[in-house]
N, C-alpha and C. Protein backbone atom coordinates (compact mmCIF):
# COMPACT_ATOMS: atom_id res chain seq x y z
N MET A 1 93.65 66.30 -26.29
CA MET A 1 92.31 66.51 -26.84
C MET A 1 92.40 67.11 -28.22
N LYS A 2 91.73 66.49 -29.15
CA LYS A 2 91.68 66.98 -30.53
C LYS A 2 90.36 67.70 -30.75
N LYS A 3 90.45 68.92 -31.22
CA LYS A 3 89.25 69.72 -31.40
C LYS A 3 88.27 69.08 -32.36
N THR A 4 88.80 68.41 -33.42
CA THR A 4 87.94 67.87 -34.47
C THR A 4 87.23 66.60 -34.07
N SER A 5 87.64 65.95 -32.97
CA SER A 5 86.98 64.73 -32.54
C SER A 5 86.39 64.86 -31.16
N SER A 6 87.25 65.13 -30.14
CA SER A 6 86.79 65.16 -28.77
C SER A 6 85.75 66.23 -28.54
N ALA A 7 85.99 67.44 -29.07
CA ALA A 7 85.06 68.53 -28.82
C ALA A 7 83.70 68.23 -29.40
N LEU A 8 83.66 67.59 -30.61
CA LEU A 8 82.39 67.27 -31.23
C LEU A 8 81.67 66.18 -30.46
N MET A 9 82.43 65.20 -29.91
CA MET A 9 81.83 64.15 -29.10
C MET A 9 81.21 64.73 -27.85
N ILE A 10 81.89 65.72 -27.25
CA ILE A 10 81.36 66.37 -26.05
C ILE A 10 80.05 67.05 -26.38
N ALA A 11 80.05 67.81 -27.48
CA ALA A 11 78.85 68.55 -27.86
C ALA A 11 77.69 67.60 -28.12
N ALA A 12 77.98 66.44 -28.75
CA ALA A 12 76.92 65.49 -29.06
C ALA A 12 76.36 64.86 -27.79
N SER A 13 77.23 64.62 -26.80
CA SER A 13 76.79 63.96 -25.58
C SER A 13 75.91 64.85 -24.73
N LEU A 14 76.06 66.15 -24.85
CA LEU A 14 75.26 67.08 -24.07
C LEU A 14 73.99 67.41 -24.84
N SER A 15 73.16 66.38 -25.06
CA SER A 15 72.01 66.53 -25.95
C SER A 15 70.96 67.46 -25.39
N ILE A 16 71.02 67.74 -24.08
CA ILE A 16 70.01 68.63 -23.52
C ILE A 16 70.34 70.08 -23.76
N LEU A 17 71.52 70.33 -24.30
CA LEU A 17 71.95 71.71 -24.52
C LEU A 17 71.80 72.08 -25.97
N PRO A 18 71.65 73.40 -26.30
CA PRO A 18 71.61 73.82 -27.70
C PRO A 18 72.88 73.42 -28.40
N ALA A 19 72.80 73.11 -29.68
CA ALA A 19 73.93 72.52 -30.41
C ALA A 19 75.07 73.48 -30.58
N CYS A 20 74.87 74.62 -31.18
CA CYS A 20 76.01 75.47 -31.46
C CYS A 20 75.54 76.80 -31.97
N GLY A 21 76.51 77.70 -31.99
CA GLY A 21 76.34 78.93 -32.74
C GLY A 21 75.59 80.00 -31.99
N ILE A 22 76.05 81.24 -32.15
CA ILE A 22 75.34 82.41 -31.69
C ILE A 22 75.49 83.46 -32.75
N GLU A 23 74.58 84.39 -32.75
CA GLU A 23 74.70 85.49 -33.68
C GLU A 23 75.57 86.55 -33.06
N GLU A 24 76.62 86.95 -33.74
CA GLU A 24 77.55 87.92 -33.21
C GLU A 24 77.23 89.29 -33.76
N THR A 25 77.59 90.29 -32.98
CA THR A 25 77.41 91.67 -33.41
C THR A 25 78.61 92.47 -32.99
N ASN A 26 78.95 93.46 -33.75
CA ASN A 26 80.08 94.32 -33.41
C ASN A 26 79.64 95.50 -32.58
N THR A 27 78.34 95.61 -32.26
CA THR A 27 77.84 96.73 -31.49
C THR A 27 77.82 96.37 -30.02
N PRO A 28 78.60 97.08 -29.17
CA PRO A 28 78.57 96.78 -27.74
C PRO A 28 77.17 96.99 -27.18
N GLU A 29 76.82 96.18 -26.18
CA GLU A 29 75.50 96.25 -25.55
C GLU A 29 75.62 96.97 -24.23
N LEU A 30 74.93 98.10 -24.09
CA LEU A 30 74.97 98.87 -22.86
C LEU A 30 74.17 98.19 -21.78
N GLN A 31 74.67 98.19 -20.55
CA GLN A 31 73.94 97.65 -19.42
C GLN A 31 73.55 98.78 -18.48
N GLY A 32 72.33 98.75 -18.00
CA GLY A 32 71.91 99.67 -16.95
C GLY A 32 71.22 100.91 -17.48
N SER A 33 71.96 101.83 -18.07
CA SER A 33 71.40 103.06 -18.58
C SER A 33 72.16 103.48 -19.80
N GLU A 34 71.66 104.48 -20.49
CA GLU A 34 72.26 104.87 -21.76
C GLU A 34 73.70 105.30 -21.58
N ALA A 35 74.59 104.81 -22.44
CA ALA A 35 76.01 105.13 -22.32
C ALA A 35 76.24 106.59 -22.62
N PRO A 36 77.05 107.28 -21.81
CA PRO A 36 77.37 108.67 -22.11
C PRO A 36 78.42 108.74 -23.19
N ALA A 37 78.49 109.85 -23.89
CA ALA A 37 79.62 110.10 -24.76
C ALA A 37 80.86 110.19 -23.90
N SER A 38 82.04 109.94 -24.50
CA SER A 38 83.28 109.95 -23.73
C SER A 38 83.45 111.26 -22.98
N SER A 39 83.09 112.37 -23.63
CA SER A 39 83.26 113.67 -23.00
C SER A 39 82.33 113.85 -21.81
N ASP A 40 81.23 113.04 -21.76
CA ASP A 40 80.26 113.17 -20.68
C ASP A 40 80.63 112.34 -19.46
N LEU A 41 81.69 111.52 -19.57
CA LEU A 41 82.10 110.74 -18.41
C LEU A 41 82.58 111.66 -17.30
N GLY A 42 83.09 112.83 -17.68
CA GLY A 42 83.27 113.88 -16.70
C GLY A 42 84.64 113.94 -16.07
N GLN A 43 85.05 115.14 -15.77
CA GLN A 43 86.23 115.40 -14.98
C GLN A 43 85.74 115.78 -13.59
N THR A 44 85.61 114.81 -12.71
CA THR A 44 85.05 115.06 -11.39
C THR A 44 86.13 115.27 -10.33
N GLY A 45 87.36 115.29 -10.71
CA GLY A 45 88.46 115.45 -9.77
C GLY A 45 89.69 114.79 -10.33
N SER A 46 90.74 114.71 -9.52
CA SER A 46 92.00 114.15 -9.99
C SER A 46 92.10 112.66 -9.75
N ALA A 47 91.16 112.07 -9.00
CA ALA A 47 91.24 110.66 -8.66
C ALA A 47 90.57 109.81 -9.73
N LEU A 48 91.27 108.78 -10.20
CA LEU A 48 90.73 107.86 -11.19
C LEU A 48 90.07 106.68 -10.48
N SER A 49 88.88 106.31 -10.91
CA SER A 49 88.17 105.18 -10.29
C SER A 49 87.30 104.50 -11.33
N VAL A 50 86.77 103.33 -10.97
CA VAL A 50 85.86 102.59 -11.84
C VAL A 50 84.46 103.17 -11.72
N GLY A 51 83.85 103.50 -12.85
CA GLY A 51 82.51 104.08 -12.86
C GLY A 51 81.42 103.03 -12.87
N SER A 52 80.18 103.49 -12.98
CA SER A 52 79.01 102.60 -12.87
C SER A 52 78.47 102.14 -14.21
N TYR A 53 78.91 102.73 -15.32
CA TYR A 53 78.42 102.31 -16.63
C TYR A 53 79.14 101.04 -17.08
N SER A 54 78.41 100.13 -17.74
CA SER A 54 79.03 98.92 -18.28
C SER A 54 78.51 98.64 -19.67
N VAL A 55 79.35 97.99 -20.48
CA VAL A 55 79.02 97.66 -21.86
C VAL A 55 79.42 96.21 -22.11
N ASN A 56 78.51 95.42 -22.66
CA ASN A 56 78.82 94.05 -23.06
C ASN A 56 79.41 94.03 -24.46
N LEU A 57 80.55 93.37 -24.63
CA LEU A 57 81.09 93.15 -25.96
C LEU A 57 80.42 91.91 -26.57
N SER A 58 80.79 91.56 -27.78
CA SER A 58 80.19 90.41 -28.46
C SER A 58 80.51 89.12 -27.71
N ALA A 59 79.56 88.19 -27.71
CA ALA A 59 79.78 86.86 -27.16
C ALA A 59 80.38 85.97 -28.24
N HIS A 60 81.35 85.13 -27.86
CA HIS A 60 82.06 84.29 -28.82
C HIS A 60 82.01 82.84 -28.38
N GLY A 61 81.61 81.95 -29.29
CA GLY A 61 81.51 80.53 -29.03
C GLY A 61 80.10 80.03 -29.29
N GLY A 62 79.79 78.86 -28.74
CA GLY A 62 78.48 78.26 -28.92
C GLY A 62 77.53 78.61 -27.80
N SER A 63 76.34 78.03 -27.85
CA SER A 63 75.30 78.35 -26.87
C SER A 63 75.07 77.23 -25.86
N GLY A 64 75.94 76.21 -25.85
CA GLY A 64 75.82 75.13 -24.89
C GLY A 64 76.38 75.51 -23.54
N GLY A 65 76.34 74.58 -22.62
CA GLY A 65 76.91 74.80 -21.30
C GLY A 65 76.01 75.59 -20.38
N ALA A 66 76.46 75.74 -19.14
CA ALA A 66 75.72 76.49 -18.12
C ALA A 66 76.30 77.88 -17.99
N ALA A 67 75.44 78.86 -17.75
CA ALA A 67 75.88 80.25 -17.64
C ALA A 67 76.53 80.51 -16.29
N SER A 68 77.59 81.33 -16.31
CA SER A 68 78.25 81.78 -15.08
C SER A 68 78.97 83.08 -15.41
N SER A 69 79.58 83.69 -14.41
CA SER A 69 80.36 84.90 -14.65
C SER A 69 81.53 84.96 -13.69
N LYS A 70 82.57 85.66 -14.10
CA LYS A 70 83.75 85.91 -13.28
C LYS A 70 83.97 87.42 -13.27
N GLU A 71 84.01 88.02 -12.08
CA GLU A 71 84.04 89.48 -11.98
C GLU A 71 85.06 89.95 -10.96
N CYS A 72 85.80 91.00 -11.30
CA CYS A 72 86.74 91.62 -10.37
C CYS A 72 85.96 92.33 -9.26
N PRO A 73 86.53 92.46 -8.05
CA PRO A 73 85.86 93.19 -6.97
C PRO A 73 85.74 94.68 -7.29
N ALA A 74 85.04 95.40 -6.44
CA ALA A 74 84.83 96.83 -6.63
C ALA A 74 86.16 97.57 -6.76
N ASN A 75 86.26 98.40 -7.78
CA ASN A 75 87.43 99.23 -8.11
C ASN A 75 88.67 98.42 -8.48
N TYR A 76 88.49 97.13 -8.78
CA TYR A 76 89.54 96.32 -9.38
C TYR A 76 89.25 96.20 -10.87
N VAL A 77 90.31 96.04 -11.66
CA VAL A 77 90.17 95.89 -13.11
C VAL A 77 90.97 94.67 -13.56
N ALA A 78 90.59 94.10 -14.69
CA ALA A 78 91.27 92.91 -15.19
C ALA A 78 92.64 93.26 -15.77
N VAL A 79 93.63 92.46 -15.43
CA VAL A 79 94.98 92.60 -16.00
C VAL A 79 95.43 91.31 -16.68
N GLY A 80 94.61 90.25 -16.61
CA GLY A 80 95.01 88.99 -17.22
C GLY A 80 93.93 87.94 -17.08
N ILE A 81 94.24 86.74 -17.57
CA ILE A 81 93.36 85.59 -17.45
C ILE A 81 94.18 84.39 -16.98
N HIS A 82 93.52 83.44 -16.33
CA HIS A 82 94.17 82.20 -15.93
C HIS A 82 93.19 81.06 -16.13
N GLY A 83 93.72 79.85 -16.22
CA GLY A 83 92.88 78.69 -16.44
C GLY A 83 93.67 77.56 -17.06
N SER A 84 93.06 76.84 -17.99
CA SER A 84 93.73 75.73 -18.67
C SER A 84 93.22 75.63 -20.09
N ALA A 85 94.05 75.08 -20.97
CA ALA A 85 93.67 74.99 -22.39
C ALA A 85 94.47 73.90 -23.07
N GLY A 86 93.85 73.31 -24.09
CA GLY A 86 94.52 72.42 -25.03
C GLY A 86 94.30 72.98 -26.41
N ASP A 87 93.61 72.24 -27.27
CA ASP A 87 93.21 72.77 -28.56
C ASP A 87 92.04 73.74 -28.42
N ILE A 88 91.38 73.71 -27.27
CA ILE A 88 90.26 74.58 -26.92
C ILE A 88 90.49 75.07 -25.49
N VAL A 89 89.99 76.26 -25.16
CA VAL A 89 90.08 76.75 -23.79
C VAL A 89 89.14 75.92 -22.91
N VAL A 90 89.69 75.33 -21.86
CA VAL A 90 88.94 74.39 -21.02
C VAL A 90 88.39 75.07 -19.77
N SER A 91 89.19 75.89 -19.10
CA SER A 91 88.73 76.61 -17.91
C SER A 91 89.27 78.03 -17.96
N LEU A 92 88.57 78.97 -17.28
CA LEU A 92 88.91 80.38 -17.46
C LEU A 92 88.49 81.20 -16.24
N GLY A 93 89.37 82.08 -15.81
CA GLY A 93 89.09 83.05 -14.75
C GLY A 93 89.85 84.33 -15.02
N LEU A 94 89.60 85.37 -14.22
CA LEU A 94 90.24 86.67 -14.40
C LEU A 94 91.33 86.90 -13.36
N VAL A 95 92.38 87.61 -13.78
CA VAL A 95 93.40 88.15 -12.88
C VAL A 95 93.11 89.64 -12.76
N CYS A 96 92.95 90.14 -11.54
CA CYS A 96 92.54 91.53 -11.32
C CYS A 96 93.55 92.26 -10.45
N ARG A 97 93.55 93.60 -10.58
CA ARG A 97 94.35 94.43 -9.69
C ARG A 97 93.55 95.67 -9.31
N TYR A 98 93.83 96.20 -8.13
CA TYR A 98 93.15 97.40 -7.65
C TYR A 98 93.63 98.61 -8.45
N LEU A 99 92.67 99.46 -8.86
CA LEU A 99 93.00 100.67 -9.60
C LEU A 99 93.21 101.82 -8.63
N ASN A 100 94.47 102.26 -8.49
CA ASN A 100 94.77 103.41 -7.64
C ASN A 100 94.28 104.69 -8.29
N ASN A 101 94.10 105.75 -7.48
CA ASN A 101 93.51 106.98 -8.02
C ASN A 101 94.43 107.75 -8.95
N ASP A 102 95.70 107.34 -9.05
CA ASP A 102 96.60 107.98 -10.02
C ASP A 102 96.77 107.14 -11.28
N GLY A 103 95.99 106.07 -11.40
CA GLY A 103 96.06 105.22 -12.59
C GLY A 103 97.04 104.07 -12.48
N THR A 104 97.82 104.01 -11.40
CA THR A 104 98.69 102.87 -11.18
C THR A 104 97.87 101.72 -10.59
N LEU A 105 98.50 100.55 -10.47
CA LEU A 105 97.79 99.36 -10.04
C LEU A 105 98.32 98.86 -8.71
N GLY A 106 97.42 98.39 -7.85
CA GLY A 106 97.80 97.95 -6.52
C GLY A 106 97.58 96.47 -6.30
N ALA A 107 96.81 96.14 -5.27
CA ALA A 107 96.64 94.76 -4.81
C ALA A 107 96.10 93.84 -5.90
N TRP A 108 96.49 92.57 -5.80
CA TRP A 108 96.07 91.54 -6.76
C TRP A 108 94.84 90.79 -6.26
N TYR A 109 94.07 90.26 -7.22
CA TYR A 109 92.94 89.39 -6.89
C TYR A 109 92.72 88.43 -8.05
N TYR A 110 92.61 87.14 -7.74
CA TYR A 110 92.31 86.12 -8.75
C TYR A 110 90.89 85.61 -8.53
N THR A 111 90.03 85.71 -9.54
CA THR A 111 88.75 85.02 -9.45
C THR A 111 89.01 83.52 -9.57
N SER A 112 88.06 82.72 -9.13
CA SER A 112 88.16 81.29 -9.40
C SER A 112 88.02 81.06 -10.89
N ALA A 113 88.55 79.95 -11.37
CA ALA A 113 88.37 79.57 -12.76
C ALA A 113 87.24 78.56 -12.86
N THR A 114 86.57 78.52 -14.00
CA THR A 114 85.57 77.49 -14.22
C THR A 114 86.25 76.12 -14.15
N THR A 115 85.49 75.09 -13.86
CA THR A 115 86.03 73.74 -13.72
C THR A 115 85.94 72.99 -15.03
N GLY A 116 87.08 72.63 -15.60
CA GLY A 116 87.10 71.85 -16.83
C GLY A 116 87.21 70.37 -16.54
N ALA A 117 86.94 69.54 -17.54
CA ALA A 117 86.90 68.09 -17.34
C ALA A 117 88.12 67.38 -17.91
N TYR A 118 89.13 68.13 -18.36
CA TYR A 118 90.25 67.50 -19.04
C TYR A 118 91.56 67.93 -18.40
N THR A 119 92.55 67.06 -18.48
CA THR A 119 93.90 67.39 -18.02
C THR A 119 94.64 68.02 -19.18
N VAL A 120 94.79 69.33 -19.11
CA VAL A 120 95.43 70.09 -20.18
C VAL A 120 96.42 71.06 -19.55
N THR A 121 96.97 71.95 -20.34
CA THR A 121 98.04 72.84 -19.88
C THR A 121 97.48 74.05 -19.15
N PRO A 122 97.91 74.31 -17.90
CA PRO A 122 97.47 75.52 -17.21
C PRO A 122 98.13 76.76 -17.83
N PHE A 123 97.46 77.89 -17.72
CA PHE A 123 98.04 79.14 -18.22
C PHE A 123 97.72 80.29 -17.26
N ASN A 124 98.54 81.30 -17.32
CA ASN A 124 98.32 82.56 -16.60
C ASN A 124 98.99 83.64 -17.44
N ILE A 125 98.23 84.34 -18.26
CA ILE A 125 98.80 85.39 -19.11
C ILE A 125 98.29 86.74 -18.63
N GLN A 126 99.20 87.72 -18.64
CA GLN A 126 98.88 89.04 -18.11
C GLN A 126 99.41 90.13 -19.03
N CYS A 127 98.77 91.29 -18.93
CA CYS A 127 99.27 92.48 -19.61
C CYS A 127 100.61 92.88 -19.01
N PRO A 128 101.42 93.65 -19.74
CA PRO A 128 102.67 94.16 -19.17
C PRO A 128 102.40 95.00 -17.92
N ALA A 129 103.42 95.17 -17.10
CA ALA A 129 103.28 95.93 -15.86
C ALA A 129 102.65 97.30 -16.11
N GLY A 130 101.66 97.64 -15.31
CA GLY A 130 101.00 98.93 -15.42
C GLY A 130 99.88 99.00 -16.42
N GLN A 131 99.65 97.92 -17.20
CA GLN A 131 98.59 97.92 -18.20
C GLN A 131 97.42 97.04 -17.77
N VAL A 132 96.25 97.33 -18.35
CA VAL A 132 95.02 96.60 -18.02
C VAL A 132 94.40 96.05 -19.30
N VAL A 133 93.45 95.14 -19.15
CA VAL A 133 92.80 94.52 -20.31
C VAL A 133 91.74 95.48 -20.86
N VAL A 134 91.86 95.82 -22.14
CA VAL A 134 90.88 96.68 -22.81
C VAL A 134 90.17 95.94 -23.94
N GLY A 135 90.44 94.65 -24.10
CA GLY A 135 89.77 93.86 -25.13
C GLY A 135 90.37 92.47 -25.23
N PHE A 136 89.79 91.66 -26.11
CA PHE A 136 90.24 90.29 -26.33
C PHE A 136 90.32 90.00 -27.82
N HIS A 137 91.18 89.05 -28.18
CA HIS A 137 91.25 88.56 -29.56
C HIS A 137 91.41 87.04 -29.50
N GLY A 138 90.97 86.36 -30.54
CA GLY A 138 91.06 84.91 -30.54
C GLY A 138 90.30 84.28 -31.68
N HIS A 139 89.94 83.00 -31.50
CA HIS A 139 89.16 82.24 -32.48
C HIS A 139 88.03 81.52 -31.75
N ASN A 140 86.90 81.36 -32.44
CA ASN A 140 85.78 80.63 -31.86
C ASN A 140 84.94 80.00 -32.95
N ASN A 141 84.28 78.92 -32.59
CA ASN A 141 83.26 78.31 -33.44
C ASN A 141 82.16 77.82 -32.50
N ASN A 142 82.06 76.51 -32.29
CA ASN A 142 81.10 76.00 -31.31
C ASN A 142 81.61 76.13 -29.88
N PHE A 143 82.91 76.36 -29.73
CA PHE A 143 83.56 76.55 -28.45
C PHE A 143 84.52 77.72 -28.56
N LEU A 144 85.13 78.10 -27.44
CA LEU A 144 86.16 79.13 -27.45
C LEU A 144 87.49 78.45 -27.77
N ASP A 145 87.94 78.59 -29.01
CA ASP A 145 89.15 77.90 -29.46
C ASP A 145 90.41 78.50 -28.86
N SER A 146 90.52 79.84 -28.85
CA SER A 146 91.72 80.50 -28.34
C SER A 146 91.35 81.88 -27.84
N LEU A 147 92.22 82.45 -26.98
CA LEU A 147 91.94 83.76 -26.39
C LEU A 147 93.23 84.46 -26.02
N GLY A 148 93.34 85.74 -26.39
CA GLY A 148 94.47 86.59 -26.02
C GLY A 148 93.97 87.94 -25.55
N LEU A 149 94.88 88.75 -24.99
CA LEU A 149 94.54 90.03 -24.38
C LEU A 149 95.00 91.20 -25.22
N SER A 150 94.20 92.26 -25.22
CA SER A 150 94.61 93.57 -25.74
C SER A 150 94.76 94.49 -24.53
N CYS A 151 95.88 95.21 -24.44
CA CYS A 151 96.24 95.90 -23.20
C CYS A 151 96.59 97.37 -23.44
N ALA A 152 96.39 98.19 -22.39
CA ALA A 152 96.79 99.60 -22.42
C ALA A 152 96.90 100.09 -20.98
N THR A 153 97.68 101.14 -20.75
CA THR A 153 97.73 101.76 -19.43
C THR A 153 96.45 102.57 -19.23
N PRO A 154 95.90 102.60 -18.01
CA PRO A 154 94.64 103.31 -17.78
C PRO A 154 94.67 104.77 -18.21
N ASN A 155 95.70 105.50 -17.84
CA ASN A 155 95.75 106.93 -18.17
C ASN A 155 95.81 107.16 -19.67
N ASN A 156 96.58 106.35 -20.38
CA ASN A 156 96.66 106.50 -21.84
C ASN A 156 95.33 106.14 -22.50
N TRP A 157 94.68 105.07 -22.02
CA TRP A 157 93.39 104.68 -22.57
C TRP A 157 92.33 105.75 -22.32
N MET A 158 92.40 106.39 -21.16
CA MET A 158 91.47 107.49 -20.85
C MET A 158 91.67 108.67 -21.79
N SER A 159 92.91 108.91 -22.20
CA SER A 159 93.21 110.07 -23.04
C SER A 159 93.00 109.79 -24.52
N GLY A 160 92.57 108.59 -24.87
CA GLY A 160 92.25 108.28 -26.25
C GLY A 160 93.32 107.53 -27.02
N SER A 161 94.39 107.13 -26.34
CA SER A 161 95.42 106.33 -27.01
C SER A 161 94.88 104.93 -27.30
N GLY A 162 95.50 104.24 -28.23
CA GLY A 162 95.04 102.92 -28.62
C GLY A 162 95.67 101.81 -27.80
N VAL A 163 95.52 100.59 -28.30
CA VAL A 163 96.09 99.40 -27.67
C VAL A 163 97.61 99.52 -27.68
N GLU A 164 98.24 99.23 -26.56
CA GLU A 164 99.69 99.32 -26.44
C GLU A 164 100.38 97.96 -26.56
N PHE A 165 99.64 96.88 -26.28
CA PHE A 165 100.27 95.56 -26.32
C PHE A 165 99.19 94.50 -26.52
N SER A 166 99.48 93.49 -27.34
CA SER A 166 98.60 92.34 -27.52
C SER A 166 99.37 91.08 -27.16
N THR A 167 98.82 90.27 -26.28
CA THR A 167 99.51 89.06 -25.84
C THR A 167 99.33 87.93 -26.85
N VAL A 168 100.10 86.88 -26.66
CA VAL A 168 99.87 85.65 -27.41
C VAL A 168 98.53 85.06 -26.98
N LYS A 169 97.98 84.17 -27.78
CA LYS A 169 96.72 83.52 -27.45
C LYS A 169 96.98 82.17 -26.79
N VAL A 170 96.13 81.81 -25.84
CA VAL A 170 96.13 80.46 -25.28
C VAL A 170 95.07 79.66 -26.00
N GLY A 171 95.24 78.33 -26.02
CA GLY A 171 94.30 77.46 -26.72
C GLY A 171 94.87 76.97 -28.03
N GLY A 172 94.00 76.65 -28.98
CA GLY A 172 94.43 76.11 -30.26
C GLY A 172 95.08 77.14 -31.15
N THR A 173 95.79 76.66 -32.16
CA THR A 173 96.52 77.54 -33.07
C THR A 173 95.78 77.77 -34.38
N GLY A 174 94.62 77.20 -34.54
CA GLY A 174 93.86 77.39 -35.78
C GLY A 174 92.42 76.99 -35.57
N GLY A 175 91.64 77.07 -36.63
CA GLY A 175 90.24 76.68 -36.55
C GLY A 175 89.37 77.78 -36.00
N GLY A 176 88.10 77.70 -36.31
CA GLY A 176 87.16 78.68 -35.80
C GLY A 176 87.27 80.01 -36.53
N TYR A 177 86.43 80.94 -36.12
CA TYR A 177 86.38 82.27 -36.71
C TYR A 177 87.19 83.24 -35.86
N GLU A 178 87.99 84.06 -36.52
CA GLU A 178 88.82 85.02 -35.80
C GLU A 178 87.98 86.19 -35.32
N PHE A 179 88.28 86.69 -34.12
CA PHE A 179 87.60 87.88 -33.61
C PHE A 179 88.59 88.78 -32.89
N SER A 180 88.24 90.04 -32.78
CA SER A 180 89.00 91.02 -32.02
C SER A 180 88.03 92.09 -31.54
N ASP A 181 87.85 92.19 -30.23
CA ASP A 181 86.90 93.13 -29.63
C ASP A 181 87.64 94.07 -28.69
N LEU A 182 87.27 95.35 -28.72
CA LEU A 182 87.84 96.33 -27.80
C LEU A 182 86.72 97.02 -27.03
N CYS A 183 87.01 97.37 -25.78
CA CYS A 183 86.10 98.21 -25.01
C CYS A 183 86.03 99.59 -25.67
N PRO A 184 84.92 100.32 -25.49
CA PRO A 184 84.88 101.71 -25.95
C PRO A 184 85.95 102.53 -25.24
N PRO A 185 86.33 103.68 -25.80
CA PRO A 185 87.30 104.55 -25.11
C PRO A 185 86.83 104.85 -23.68
N GLN A 186 87.76 104.83 -22.76
CA GLN A 186 87.53 105.12 -21.35
C GLN A 186 86.76 104.00 -20.62
N TYR A 187 86.69 102.82 -21.22
CA TYR A 187 86.12 101.63 -20.58
C TYR A 187 87.19 100.54 -20.54
N VAL A 188 87.19 99.71 -19.50
CA VAL A 188 88.14 98.61 -19.38
C VAL A 188 87.40 97.35 -18.92
N VAL A 189 88.01 96.19 -19.11
CA VAL A 189 87.38 94.91 -18.76
C VAL A 189 87.41 94.68 -17.26
N ARG A 190 86.27 94.27 -16.70
CA ARG A 190 86.17 93.89 -15.29
C ARG A 190 85.45 92.56 -15.08
N LYS A 191 84.84 92.02 -16.14
CA LYS A 191 83.98 90.86 -15.94
C LYS A 191 83.94 90.02 -17.20
N LEU A 192 83.76 88.71 -17.03
CA LEU A 192 83.51 87.79 -18.13
C LEU A 192 82.19 87.06 -17.89
N ASN A 193 81.30 87.11 -18.87
CA ASN A 193 80.13 86.23 -18.88
C ASN A 193 80.51 84.96 -19.63
N LEU A 194 80.27 83.81 -19.03
CA LEU A 194 80.74 82.54 -19.60
C LEU A 194 79.59 81.54 -19.72
N ARG A 195 79.76 80.62 -20.66
CA ARG A 195 78.98 79.39 -20.72
C ARG A 195 79.99 78.26 -20.77
N SER A 196 79.82 77.28 -19.89
CA SER A 196 80.82 76.20 -19.83
C SER A 196 80.17 74.94 -19.27
N TRP A 197 80.82 73.83 -19.59
CA TRP A 197 80.48 72.53 -19.03
C TRP A 197 81.79 71.81 -18.80
N ASP A 198 82.21 70.98 -19.73
CA ASP A 198 83.52 70.36 -19.62
C ASP A 198 84.62 71.26 -20.15
N LEU A 199 84.26 72.30 -20.88
CA LEU A 199 85.19 73.28 -21.43
C LEU A 199 84.43 74.58 -21.65
N ILE A 200 85.09 75.60 -22.18
CA ILE A 200 84.45 76.90 -22.36
C ILE A 200 83.67 76.91 -23.67
N ASP A 201 82.35 76.92 -23.54
CA ASP A 201 81.50 77.00 -24.72
C ASP A 201 81.46 78.43 -25.28
N GLN A 202 81.42 79.42 -24.40
CA GLN A 202 81.24 80.80 -24.84
C GLN A 202 81.83 81.77 -23.83
N ALA A 203 82.37 82.88 -24.31
CA ALA A 203 82.90 83.93 -23.45
C ALA A 203 82.48 85.29 -23.98
N GLN A 204 82.14 86.19 -23.07
CA GLN A 204 81.74 87.56 -23.41
C GLN A 204 82.34 88.51 -22.39
N ALA A 205 83.11 89.49 -22.85
CA ALA A 205 83.71 90.48 -21.97
C ALA A 205 82.71 91.57 -21.62
N VAL A 206 82.78 92.06 -20.38
CA VAL A 206 81.99 93.20 -19.94
C VAL A 206 82.95 94.30 -19.51
N CYS A 207 82.78 95.48 -20.10
CA CYS A 207 83.67 96.62 -19.83
C CYS A 207 82.97 97.62 -18.92
N ASN A 208 83.72 98.20 -17.98
CA ASN A 208 83.21 99.26 -17.12
C ASN A 208 83.89 100.58 -17.43
N SER A 209 83.15 101.66 -17.23
CA SER A 209 83.70 103.00 -17.45
C SER A 209 84.73 103.33 -16.38
N LEU A 210 85.67 104.19 -16.74
CA LEU A 210 86.59 104.79 -15.78
C LEU A 210 86.21 106.26 -15.62
N MET A 211 86.37 106.78 -14.40
CA MET A 211 85.99 108.16 -14.10
C MET A 211 87.15 108.89 -13.44
N TRP A 212 87.36 110.12 -13.87
CA TRP A 212 88.31 110.99 -13.17
C TRP A 212 87.61 111.59 -11.96
């Protein structure tokens, strides 16, 4: 699949859908209630767990396709992504692990991936052992061209340390607008809001707070 021909033909054929483009913002969108300052997340004990606050990062890609979401189960956090890609990301799901109360990671869980319409290369990329997804980087235009992970260990991210590892990107090697989004301090990725049809039109990370 060539991004400059096939992807445009797909977009043209889906005439009932909006053509392209979204307005991006670098300001995370709080869900539910007003986000607390990092210091207000609280020291409620020695056990680390996933909190109830969530923040939407910027959405990347076009506005076509049908809306869906992929979310880790309760007290699981994202450690990777799986799916398929060619010059554009075609299908996408989350790789999750249970967050133990000492900040280590336990049981695995894979969400289903969206269904793509093309035979392309499958992928499964993950953060290094013990690290979780704290953001994404990649390229986008009318579709999600490429996607990679920004990673950190939960305890270090809670204490204010930065990104410890960035993975390679899956998808195309050029084209589109470059982006790099991080969760706020003490928040990690647990969910993806998606728009997709035959491929991934748009992706948006949702970060949840961590609580001691």
